């Protein structure tokens, strides 16, 4: 059963993120992407009496990590929600403002390794790619995208969200393949990509399916739209002179975060704590390869 599977996720930039928040004693913290619970647990360990509001769209994240908090001298309240609805979550908790906010974007190792929802091109799984553990028939899935979206729409998202230069070739390959039979699994999609992409490209450092899978996942979960909404709502609920830490893993996310920070700085609403992005140390890079693409940006609300 999934709730007996323990989290294998390694939290990136842990110390940099928590220390960057510069939290007061007994803080109220909003962890918008609970994941493996690493950031929340570290706050519990460092700040006696802390109150953490943890959000994750994937209910299995809490099932796998909740036991870590047994015996902790803090209060943690988990909400199975999208961080685009963080204002509604805080309203349910009767909280107006918080002392710190964390966004750790992208997929957790648990979702790649154990979800069974088709996030990884290395595993043969149903094409879902939704952050929800149990999607309803109304929820968009990767299967819907590859089997029903037009060739142009597929090419647009694969290029726009995946920055994939062979997007048109891939989109045509998907449309041609689905005429023969419905595309249902990750390996079926990988097989299509393998057929249409150049041999030289398939020998590259990055796996040839990486960008396409990323693009489809972003589209399924409206990740970039939700990020913009989450940043705006987060700043609204952040107390004056308190901070928000955001870790991004690819250029599209980081571009949105950087632009949001810069625009609010121009409006004199925030102070940028780090002018340059904070990246993983050599020690962390050696211990956790996932950290190599992590970029941390921190802001402080001043009005």
C-alpha atoms as a PDB file:
ATOM      1  CA  UNK A   1       0.000   0.000   0.000  1.00  0.00           C
ATOM      2  CA  UNK A   2       1.269   3.447  -0.903  1.00  0.00           C
ATOM      3  CA  UNK A   3       0.953   4.891   2.598  1.00  0.00           C
ATOM      4  CA  UNK A   4       3.515   2.348   3.815  1.00  0.00           C
ATOM      5  CA  UNK A   5       6.081   3.413   1.235  1.00  0.00           C
ATOM      6  CA  UNK A   6       8.590   5.767   2.822  1.00  0.00           C
ATOM      7  CA  UNK A   7       9.784   8.919   1.098  1.00  0.00           C
ATOM      8  CA  UNK A   8      13.076   8.589  -0.807  1.00  0.00           C
ATOM      9  CA  UNK A   9      13.180  12.270  -1.714  1.00  0.00           C
ATOM     10  CA  UNK A  10      16.319  14.272  -0.908  1.00  0.00           C
ATOM     11  CA  UNK A  11      15.533  17.913  -0.245  1.00  0.00           C
ATOM     12  CA  UNK A  12      17.765  20.283  -2.201  1.00  0.00           C
ATOM     13  CA  UNK A  13      19.321  23.503  -0.892  1.00  0.00           C
ATOM     14  CA  UNK A  14      17.893  22.726   2.546  1.00  0.00           C
ATOM     15  CA  UNK A  15      20.083  24.925   4.736  1.00  0.00           C
ATOM     16  CA  UNK A  16      20.211  27.778   2.226  1.00  0.00           C
ATOM     17  CA  UNK A  17      16.421  27.846   1.969  1.00  0.00           C
ATOM     18  CA  UNK A  18      15.685  27.764   5.713  1.00  0.00           C
ATOM     19  CA  UNK A  19      18.463  30.158   6.719  1.00  0.00           C
ATOM     20  CA  UNK A  20      17.458  32.513   3.920  1.00  0.00           C
ATOM     21  CA  UNK A  21      13.971  32.833   5.401  1.00  0.00           C
ATOM     22  CA  UNK A  22      15.427  34.398   8.580  1.00  0.00           C
ATOM     23  CA  UNK A  23      12.421  33.202  10.592  1.00  0.00           C
ATOM     24  CA  UNK A  24      11.409  34.579  14.007  1.00  0.00           C
ATOM     25  CA  UNK A  25      10.812  32.398  17.073  1.00  0.00           C
ATOM     26  CA  UNK A  26       7.692  30.186  16.840  1.00  0.00           C
ATOM     27  CA  UNK A  27       7.089  31.052  13.180  1.00  0.00           C
ATOM     28  CA  UNK A  28       4.030  30.332  11.068  1.00  0.00           C
ATOM     29  CA  UNK A  29       5.365  28.947   7.781  1.00  0.00           C
ATOM     30  CA  UNK A  30       3.610  28.045   4.550  1.00  0.00           C
ATOM     31  CA  UNK A  31       5.281  25.106   2.792  1.00  0.00           C
ATOM     32  CA  UNK A  32       3.612  25.276  -0.611  1.00  0.00           C
ATOM     33  CA  UNK A  33       5.252  22.117  -1.976  1.00  0.00           C
ATOM     34  CA  UNK A  34       5.500  19.656   0.919  1.00  0.00           C
ATOM     35  CA  UNK A  35       6.938  16.800  -1.185  1.00  0.00           C
ATOM     36  CA  UNK A  36       9.116  14.596   1.026  1.00  0.00           C
ATOM     37  CA  UNK A  37       8.652  16.971   3.951  1.00  0.00           C
ATOM     38  CA  UNK A  38      12.328  17.940   4.164  1.00  0.00           C
ATOM     39  CA  UNK A  39      11.917  21.692   4.526  1.00  0.00           C
ATOM     40  CA  UNK A  40       9.022  21.391   6.972  1.00  0.00           C
ATOM     41  CA  UNK A  41      10.902  18.894   9.118  1.00  0.00           C
ATOM     42  CA  UNK A  42      14.000  21.095   9.246  1.00  0.00           C
ATOM     43  CA  UNK A  43      11.878  24.041  10.397  1.00  0.00           C
ATOM     44  CA  UNK A  44      10.332  21.823  13.099  1.00  0.00           C
ATOM     45  CA  UNK A  45      13.792  20.786  14.264  1.00  0.00           C
ATOM     46  CA  UNK A  46      15.140  24.332  14.344  1.00  0.00           C
ATOM     47  CA  UNK A  47      12.143  26.265  15.676  1.00  0.00           C
ATOM     48  CA  UNK A  48      10.374  24.931  18.761  1.00  0.00           C
ATOM     49  CA  UNK A  49       6.669  25.700  18.614  1.00  0.00           C
ATOM     50  CA  UNK A  50       6.624  26.397  14.880  1.00  0.00           C
ATOM     51  CA  UNK A  51       3.329  26.094  13.045  1.00  0.00           C
ATOM     52  CA  UNK A  52       3.551  24.780   9.493  1.00  0.00           C
ATOM     53  CA  UNK A  53       0.815  24.810   6.898  1.00  0.00           C
ATOM     54  CA  UNK A  54       1.880  22.213   4.340  1.00  0.00           C
ATOM     55  CA  UNK A  55       0.340  21.978   0.880  1.00  0.00           C
ATOM     56  CA  UNK A  56       0.726  19.313  -1.775  1.00  0.00           C
ATOM     57  CA  UNK A  57      -1.480  18.319  -4.669  1.00  0.00           C
ATOM     58  CA  UNK A  58      -0.269  14.753  -4.236  1.00  0.00           C
ATOM     59  CA  UNK A  59      -1.868  13.191  -1.128  1.00  0.00           C
ATOM     60  CA  UNK A  60       0.677  10.370  -1.227  1.00  0.00           C
ATOM     61  CA  UNK A  61       3.386  12.897  -0.284  1.00  0.00           C
ATOM     62  CA  UNK A  62       1.837  13.236   3.180  1.00  0.00           C
ATOM     63  CA  UNK A  63       1.220   9.502   3.524  1.00  0.00           C
ATOM     64  CA  UNK A  64       4.894   8.781   2.918  1.00  0.00           C
ATOM     65  CA  UNK A  65       6.377  11.557   5.074  1.00  0.00           C
ATOM     66  CA  UNK A  66       3.993  12.154   7.988  1.00  0.00           C
ATOM     67  CA  UNK A  67       5.730   9.684  10.314  1.00  0.00           C
ATOM     68  CA  UNK A  68       8.863  11.847  10.220  1.00  0.00           C
ATOM     69  CA  UNK A  69       7.020  14.390  12.373  1.00  0.00           C
ATOM     70  CA  UNK A  70       6.175  12.037  15.224  1.00  0.00           C
ATOM     71  CA  UNK A  71       7.582  13.511  18.413  1.00  0.00           C
ATOM     72  CA  UNK A  72       8.422  16.886  16.828  1.00  0.00           C
ATOM     73  CA  UNK A  73       7.763  19.948  18.979  1.00  0.00           C
ATOM     74  CA  UNK A  74       5.818  21.772  16.300  1.00  0.00           C
ATOM     75  CA  UNK A  75       2.370  21.750  14.748  1.00  0.00           C
ATOM     76  CA  UNK A  76       1.952  20.733  11.139  1.00  0.00           C
ATOM     77  CA  UNK A  77      -1.318  20.869   9.207  1.00  0.00           C
ATOM     78  CA  UNK A  78      -1.405  19.201   5.778  1.00  0.00           C
ATOM     79  CA  UNK A  79      -3.767  20.221   2.978  1.00  0.00           C
ATOM     80  CA  UNK A  80      -4.212  18.222  -0.216  1.00  0.00           C
ATOM     81  CA  UNK A  81      -4.443  21.192  -2.576  1.00  0.00           C
ATOM     82  CA  UNK A  82      -2.697  23.121  -5.325  1.00  0.00           C
ATOM     83  CA  UNK A  83      -0.607  26.054  -4.110  1.00  0.00           C
ATOM     84  CA  UNK A  84      -2.568  28.220  -6.528  1.00  0.00           C
ATOM     85  CA  UNK A  85      -5.279  27.943  -3.851  1.00  0.00           C
ATOM     86  CA  UNK A  86      -3.032  28.794  -0.911  1.00  0.00           C
ATOM     87  CA  UNK A  87      -5.323  31.657   0.137  1.00  0.00           C
ATOM     88  CA  UNK A  88      -8.228  29.211   0.549  1.00  0.00           C
ATOM     89  CA  UNK A  89      -6.019  26.872   2.567  1.00  0.00           C
ATOM     90  CA  UNK A  90      -5.010  29.653   4.959  1.00  0.00           C
ATOM     91  CA  UNK A  91      -8.621  30.765   5.243  1.00  0.00           C
ATOM     92  CA  UNK A  92      -9.558  27.251   6.389  1.00  0.00           C
ATOM     93  CA  UNK A  93      -6.822  27.469   9.021  1.00  0.00           C
ATOM     94  CA  UNK A  94      -7.983  30.916  10.140  1.00  0.00           C
ATOM     95  CA  UNK A  95      -4.640  32.484   9.241  1.00  0.00           C
ATOM     96  CA  UNK A  96      -4.279  35.898   7.591  1.00  0.00           C
ATOM     97  CA  UNK A  97      -0.495  36.276   7.330  1.00  0.00           C
ATOM     98  CA  UNK A  98       2.561  34.026   7.584  1.00  0.00           C
ATOM     99  CA  UNK A  99       6.203  34.498   8.605  1.00  0.00           C
ATOM    100  CA  UNK A 100       7.747  32.590   5.724  1.00  0.00           C
ATOM    101  CA  UNK A 101       6.893  30.830   2.462  1.00  0.00           C
ATOM    102  CA  UNK A 102       8.686  28.028   0.622  1.00  0.00           C
ATOM    103  CA  UNK A 103       8.165  26.884  -2.962  1.00  0.00           C
ATOM    104  CA  UNK A 104      10.260  23.861  -4.020  1.00  0.00           C
ATOM    105  CA  UNK A 105       9.126  23.402  -7.609  1.00  0.00           C
ATOM    106  CA  UNK A 106       9.273  20.448  -9.973  1.00  0.00           C
ATOM    107  CA  UNK A 107       8.893  16.744  -9.314  1.00  0.00           C
ATOM    108  CA  UNK A 108       9.992  14.987  -6.162  1.00  0.00           C
ATOM    109  CA  UNK A 109      12.033  11.790  -6.370  1.00  0.00           C
ATOM    110  CA  UNK A 110       9.018   9.987  -4.885  1.00  0.00           C
ATOM    111  CA  UNK A 111       6.851  10.993  -7.828  1.00  0.00           C
ATOM    112  CA  UNK A 112       9.470   9.831 -10.316  1.00  0.00           C
ATOM    113  CA  UNK A 113      10.233   6.556  -8.549  1.00  0.00           C
ATOM    114  CA  UNK A 114       7.006   5.445  -6.890  1.00  0.00           C
ATOM    115  CA  UNK A 115       3.930   7.241  -8.180  1.00  0.00           C
ATOM    116  CA  UNK A 116       3.018   4.877 -11.012  1.00  0.00           C
ATOM    117  CA  UNK A 117       1.581   7.844 -12.911  1.00  0.00           C
ATOM    118  CA  UNK A 118       3.978   8.040 -15.828  1.00  0.00           C
ATOM    119  CA  UNK A 119       6.269  10.886 -14.824  1.00  0.00           C
ATOM    120  CA  UNK A 120       9.413   8.932 -15.721  1.00  0.00           C
ATOM    121  CA  UNK A 121      10.306   7.761 -19.227  1.00  0.00           C
ATOM    122  CA  UNK A 122      12.439   5.061 -17.559  1.00  0.00           C
ATOM    123  CA  UNK A 123       9.396   3.179 -16.264  1.00  0.00           C
ATOM    124  CA  UNK A 124       6.532   1.572 -18.177  1.00  0.00           C
ATOM    125  CA  UNK A 125       3.485   3.185 -16.586  1.00  0.00           C
ATOM    126  CA  UNK A 126       0.073   4.575 -17.586  1.00  0.00           C
ATOM    127  CA  UNK A 127       0.279   7.975 -19.258  1.00  0.00           C
ATOM    128  CA  UNK A 128      -1.221  10.168 -16.539  1.00  0.00           C
ATOM    129  CA  UNK A 129       1.430  12.702 -15.401  1.00  0.00           C
ATOM    130  CA  UNK A 130      -1.053  14.364 -13.059  1.00  0.00           C
ATOM    131  CA  UNK A 131       0.067  15.471  -9.605  1.00  0.00           C
ATOM    132  CA  UNK A 132      -3.125  14.033  -8.154  1.00  0.00           C
ATOM    133  CA  UNK A 133      -2.819  10.531  -6.727  1.00  0.00           C
ATOM    134  CA  UNK A 134      -6.344   9.590  -7.817  1.00  0.00           C
ATOM    135  CA  UNK A 135      -7.387  11.743 -10.786  1.00  0.00           C
ATOM    136  CA  UNK A 136     -11.069  11.866 -11.664  1.00  0.00           C
ATOM    137  CA  UNK A 137     -12.494  11.416 -15.148  1.00  0.00           C
ATOM    138  CA  UNK A 138     -12.691  15.206 -15.354  1.00  0.00           C
ATOM    139  CA  UNK A 139      -8.956  15.712 -14.788  1.00  0.00           C
ATOM    140  CA  UNK A 140      -6.671  16.230 -17.770  1.00  0.00           C
ATOM    141  CA  UNK A 141      -4.031  13.518 -18.230  1.00  0.00           C
ATOM    142  CA  UNK A 142      -1.067  12.975 -20.536  1.00  0.00           C
ATOM    143  CA  UNK A 143      -3.098  10.293 -22.304  1.00  0.00           C
ATOM    144  CA  UNK A 144      -5.690  12.959 -23.193  1.00  0.00           C
ATOM    145  CA  UNK A 145      -2.974  15.289 -24.452  1.00  0.00           C
ATOM    146  CA  UNK A 146      -1.191  12.825 -26.753  1.00  0.00           C
ATOM    147  CA  UNK A 147      -4.373  11.236 -28.101  1.00  0.00           C
ATOM    148  CA  UNK A 148      -6.660  14.217 -28.636  1.00  0.00           C
ATOM    149  CA  UNK A 149      -4.704  17.455 -28.960  1.00  0.00           C
ATOM    150  CA  UNK A 150      -4.024  18.750 -32.456  1.00  0.00           C
ATOM    151  CA  UNK A 151      -0.620  18.392 -34.075  1.00  0.00           C
ATOM    152  CA  UNK A 152      -0.100  22.155 -33.822  1.00  0.00           C
ATOM    153  CA  UNK A 153      -1.023  22.244 -30.119  1.00  0.00           C
ATOM    154  CA  UNK A 154       1.341  19.355 -29.399  1.00  0.00           C
ATOM    155  CA  UNK A 155       4.162  21.035 -31.290  1.00  0.00           C
ATOM    156  CA  UNK A 156       3.500  24.320 -29.495  1.00  0.00           C
ATOM    157  CA  UNK A 157       3.626  22.867 -25.960  1.00  0.00           C
ATOM    158  CA  UNK A 158       6.607  20.609 -26.677  1.00  0.00           C
ATOM    159  CA  UNK A 159       8.522  23.596 -28.015  1.00  0.00           C
ATOM    160  CA  UNK A 160       7.167  26.164 -25.549  1.00  0.00           C
ATOM    161  CA  UNK A 161       7.270  24.098 -22.341  1.00  0.00           C
ATOM    162  CA  UNK A 162      10.040  21.675 -23.229  1.00  0.00           C
ATOM    163  CA  UNK A 163      12.213  23.963 -25.367  1.00  0.00           C
ATOM    164  CA  UNK A 164      12.511  20.974 -27.683  1.00  0.00           C
ATOM    165  CA  UNK A 165      13.896  21.877 -31.128  1.00  0.00           C
ATOM    166  CA  UNK A 166      12.385  18.779 -32.762  1.00  0.00           C
ATOM    167  CA  UNK A 167       8.890  19.590 -31.494  1.00  0.00           C
ATOM    168  CA  UNK A 168       7.216  19.541 -34.920  1.00  0.00           C
ATOM    169  CA  UNK A 169       8.757  16.215 -35.823  1.00  0.00           C
ATOM    170  CA  UNK A 170       7.673  14.760 -32.483  1.00  0.00           C
ATOM    171  CA  UNK A 171       4.126  16.123 -32.773  1.00  0.00           C
ATOM    172  CA  UNK A 172       3.734  14.617 -36.243  1.00  0.00           C
ATOM    173  CA  UNK A 173       5.087  11.293 -34.970  1.00  0.00           C
ATOM    174  CA  UNK A 174       2.562  11.244 -32.139  1.00  0.00           C
ATOM    175  CA  UNK A 175      -0.361  12.071 -34.434  1.00  0.00           C
ATOM    176  CA  UNK A 176       0.701   9.449 -36.994  1.00  0.00           C
ATOM    177  CA  UNK A 177       1.120   6.798 -34.294  1.00  0.00           C
ATOM    178  CA  UNK A 178      -2.260   7.418 -32.670  1.00  0.00           C
ATOM    179  CA  UNK A 179      -3.989   6.865 -36.014  1.00  0.00           C
ATOM    180  CA  UNK A 180      -2.837   3.263 -35.750  1.00  0.00           C
ATOM    181  CA  UNK A 181      -3.670   2.780 -32.077  1.00  0.00           C
ATOM    182  CA  UNK A 182      -4.243   4.769 -28.887  1.00  0.00           C
ATOM    183  CA  UNK A 183      -1.120   5.749 -26.950  1.00  0.00           C
ATOM    184  CA  UNK A 184      -1.572   4.517 -23.377  1.00  0.00           C
ATOM    185  CA  UNK A 185       1.812   4.082 -21.698  1.00  0.00           C
ATOM    186  CA  UNK A 186       5.108   5.867 -21.193  1.00  0.00           C
ATOM    187  CA  UNK A 187       7.067   3.263 -23.132  1.00  0.00           C
ATOM    188  CA  UNK A 188       4.691   3.595 -26.083  1.00  0.00           C
ATOM    189  CA  UNK A 189       5.406   7.332 -26.142  1.00  0.00           C
ATOM    190  CA  UNK A 190       9.160   6.768 -25.783  1.00  0.00           C
ATOM    191  CA  UNK A 191       9.035   4.301 -28.705  1.00  0.00           C
ATOM    192  CA  UNK A 192       7.430   6.979 -30.890  1.00  0.00           C
ATOM    193  CA  UNK A 193      10.131   9.492 -29.955  1.00  0.00           C
ATOM    194  CA  UNK A 194      12.825   6.935 -30.636  1.00  0.00           C
ATOM    195  CA  UNK A 195      11.506   6.413 -34.165  1.00  0.00           C
ATOM    196  CA  UNK A 196      11.239  10.068 -35.156  1.00  0.00           C
ATOM    197  CA  UNK A 197      14.311  11.648 -33.559  1.00  0.00           C
ATOM    198  CA  UNK A 198      17.754  11.732 -35.236  1.00  0.00           C
ATOM    199  CA  UNK A 199      20.320   9.155 -34.114  1.00  0.00           C
ATOM    200  CA  UNK A 200      22.809  11.883 -33.173  1.00  0.00           C
ATOM    201  CA  UNK A 201      20.222  13.512 -30.893  1.00  0.00           C
ATOM    202  CA  UNK A 202      19.507  10.215 -29.154  1.00  0.00           C
ATOM    203  CA  UNK A 203      23.191   9.891 -28.306  1.00  0.00           C
ATOM    204  CA  UNK A 204      23.217  13.241 -26.468  1.00  0.00           C
ATOM    205  CA  UNK A 205      23.945  13.751 -22.763  1.00  0.00           C
ATOM    206  CA  UNK A 206      20.277  14.437 -22.017  1.00  0.00           C
ATOM    207  CA  UNK A 207      17.858  11.574 -22.588  1.00  0.00           C
ATOM    208  CA  UNK A 208      15.915  12.250 -25.803  1.00  0.00           C
ATOM    209  CA  UNK A 209      12.532  11.964 -24.034  1.00  0.00           C
ATOM    210  CA  UNK A 210      13.316  14.419 -21.222  1.00  0.00           C
ATOM    211  CA  UNK A 211      12.028  17.616 -22.808  1.00  0.00           C
ATOM    212  CA  UNK A 212       8.874  16.075 -24.275  1.00  0.00           C
ATOM    213  CA  UNK A 213       7.898  14.472 -20.969  1.00  0.00           C
ATOM    214  CA  UNK A 214       8.580  17.737 -19.150  1.00  0.00           C
ATOM    215  CA  UNK A 215       6.431  19.688 -21.600  1.00  0.00           C
ATOM    216  CA  UNK A 216       3.461  17.337 -21.376  1.00  0.00           C
ATOM    217  CA  UNK A 217       3.641  17.234 -17.577  1.00  0.00           C
ATOM    218  CA  UNK A 218       3.694  21.050 -17.382  1.00  0.00           C
ATOM    219  CA  UNK A 219       0.683  21.256 -19.699  1.00  0.00           C
ATOM    220  CA  UNK A 220      -1.297  18.601 -17.808  1.00  0.00           C
ATOM    221  CA  UNK A 221      -0.832  20.366 -14.470  1.00  0.00           C
ATOM    222  CA  UNK A 222      -0.811  23.977 -15.735  1.00  0.00           C
ATOM    223  CA  UNK A 223       2.377  24.342 -13.713  1.00  0.00           C
ATOM    224  CA  UNK A 224       3.454  27.724 -15.046  1.00  0.00           C
ATOM    225  CA  UNK A 225       0.013  29.286 -14.623  1.00  0.00           C
ATOM    226  CA  UNK A 226      -0.247  27.933 -11.084  1.00  0.00           C
ATOM    227  CA  UNK A 227       3.253  29.199 -10.276  1.00  0.00           C
ATOM    228  CA  UNK A 228       2.370  32.762 -11.276  1.00  0.00           C
ATOM    229  CA  UNK A 229      -0.836  32.573  -9.237  1.00  0.00           C
ATOM    230  CA  UNK A 230       0.968  31.052  -6.256  1.00  0.00           C
ATOM    231  CA  UNK A 231       3.666  33.743  -6.227  1.00  0.00           C
ATOM    232  CA  UNK A 232       1.083  36.536  -6.340  1.00  0.00           C
ATOM    233  CA  UNK A 233      -1.066  35.055  -3.594  1.00  0.00           C
ATOM    234  CA  UNK A 234       1.987  34.163  -1.547  1.00  0.00           C
ATOM    235  CA  UNK A 235       3.250  37.725  -1.500  1.00  0.00           C
ATOM    236  CA  UNK A 236      -0.214  38.885  -0.421  1.00  0.00           C
ATOM    237  CA  UNK A 237      -0.264  36.622   2.655  1.00  0.00           C
ATOM    238  CA  UNK A 238       3.372  37.227   3.640  1.00  0.00           C
ATOM    239  CA  UNK A 239       3.908  39.539   6.605  1.00  0.00           C
ATOM    240  CA  UNK A 240       5.889  42.740   6.084  1.00  0.00           C
ATOM    241  CA  UNK A 241       9.644  42.221   6.588  1.00  0.00           C
ATOM    242  CA  UNK A 242       9.255  38.468   6.093  1.00  0.00           C
ATOM    243  CA  UNK A 243      10.617  36.309   3.300  1.00  0.00           C
ATOM    244  CA  UNK A 244       9.732  33.913   0.496  1.00  0.00           C
ATOM    245  CA  UNK A 245      12.141  31.265  -0.838  1.00  0.00           C
ATOM    246  CA  UNK A 246      11.605  29.720  -4.271  1.00  0.00           C
ATOM    247  CA  UNK A 247      13.605  26.822  -5.709  1.00  0.00           C
ATOM    248  CA  UNK A 248      13.177  26.219  -9.442  1.00  0.00           C
ATOM    249  CA  UNK A 249      14.634  23.483 -11.625  1.00  0.00           C
ATOM    250  CA  UNK A 250      14.256  24.610 -15.215  1.00  0.00           C
ATOM    251  CA  UNK A 251      14.535  27.838 -17.125  1.00  0.00           C
ATOM    252  CA  UNK A 252      10.812  28.408 -17.674  1.00  0.00           C
ATOM    253  CA  UNK A 253      10.074  28.307 -13.941  1.00  0.00           C
ATOM    254  CA  UNK A 254      13.092  30.411 -13.061  1.00  0.00           C
ATOM    255  CA  UNK A 255      12.155  32.992 -15.694  1.00  0.00           C
ATOM    256  CA  UNK A 256       8.707  33.419 -14.111  1.00  0.00           C
ATOM    257  CA  UNK A 257      10.184  33.705 -10.604  1.00  0.00           C
ATOM    258  CA  UNK A 258      12.893  36.130 -11.699  1.00  0.00           C
ATOM    259  CA  UNK A 259      10.409  38.330 -13.566  1.00  0.00           C
ATOM    260  CA  UNK A 260       7.969  38.328 -10.641  1.00  0.00           C
ATOM    261  CA  UNK A 261      10.729  39.329  -8.201  1.00  0.00           C
ATOM    262  CA  UNK A 262      12.099  42.051 -10.482  1.00  0.00           C
ATOM    263  CA  UNK A 263       8.657  43.547 -11.139  1.00  0.00           C
ATOM    264  CA  UNK A 264       7.830  43.710  -7.426  1.00  0.00           C
ATOM    265  CA  UNK A 265      11.248  45.212  -6.729  1.00  0.00           C
ATOM    266  CA  UNK A 266      10.566  47.969  -9.266  1.00  0.00           C
ATOM    267  CA  UNK A 267       7.257  48.609  -7.503  1.00  0.00           C
ATOM    268  CA  UNK A 268       9.298  48.907  -4.269  1.00  0.00           C
ATOM    269  CA  UNK A 269       7.233  46.168  -2.658  1.00  0.00           C
ATOM    270  CA  UNK A 270      10.101  43.756  -2.055  1.00  0.00           C
ATOM    271  CA  UNK A 271      13.810  43.576  -1.447  1.00  0.00           C
ATOM    272  CA  UNK A 272      15.825  40.946  -3.310  1.00  0.00           C
ATOM    273  CA  UNK A 273      17.918  39.081  -0.742  1.00  0.00           C
ATOM    274  CA  UNK A 274      20.164  37.441  -3.328  1.00  0.00           C
ATOM    275  CA  UNK A 275      20.883  39.383  -6.503  1.00  0.00           C
ATOM    276  CA  UNK A 276      22.397  36.241  -8.027  1.00  0.00           C
ATOM    277  CA  UNK A 277      20.809  32.821  -7.860  1.00  0.00           C
ATOM    278  CA  UNK A 278      21.916  30.496  -5.070  1.00  0.00           C
ATOM    279  CA  UNK A 279      23.003  27.073  -6.318  1.00  0.00           C
ATOM    280  CA  UNK A 280      24.074  23.831  -4.669  1.00  0.00           C
ATOM    281  CA  UNK A 281      27.488  23.470  -3.070  1.00  0.00           C
ATOM    282  CA  UNK A 282      30.073  21.009  -4.364  1.00  0.00           C
ATOM    283  CA  UNK A 283      29.285  18.693  -1.443  1.00  0.00           C
ATOM    284  CA  UNK A 284      25.559  18.687  -2.216  1.00  0.00           C
ATOM    285  CA  UNK A 285      26.183  18.184  -5.932  1.00  0.00           C
ATOM    286  CA  UNK A 286      28.261  15.121  -5.102  1.00  0.00           C
ATOM    287  CA  UNK A 287      25.574  13.670  -2.807  1.00  0.00           C
ATOM    288  CA  UNK A 288      22.498  14.585  -4.821  1.00  0.00           C
ATOM    289  CA  UNK A 289      22.735  14.919  -8.616  1.00  0.00           C
ATOM    290  CA  UNK A 290      19.191  16.354  -8.743  1.00  0.00           C
ATOM    291  CA  UNK A 291      20.528  19.506  -7.084  1.00  0.00           C
ATOM    292  CA  UNK A 292      22.640  20.499 -10.099  1.00  0.00           C
ATOM    293  CA  UNK A 293      19.761  22.326 -11.793  1.00  0.00           C
ATOM    294  CA  UNK A 294      18.301  23.876  -8.610  1.00  0.00           C
ATOM    295  CA  UNK A 295      18.158  27.681  -8.401  1.00  0.00           C
ATOM    296  CA  UNK A 296      17.131  29.470  -5.226  1.00  0.00           C
ATOM    297  CA  UNK A 297      15.784  33.030  -5.157  1.00  0.00           C
ATOM    298  CA  UNK A 298      14.728  34.796  -1.945  1.00  0.00           C
ATOM    299  CA  UNK A 299      12.773  38.020  -1.504  1.00  0.00           C
ATOM    300  CA  UNK A 300      11.675  40.059   1.511  1.00  0.00           C
ATOM    301  CA  UNK A 301       8.387  41.921   1.568  1.00  0.00           C
ATOM    302  CA  UNK A 302       8.893  45.542   2.591  1.00  0.00           C
ATOM    303  CA  UNK A 303       5.352  46.965   2.272  1.00  0.00           C
END
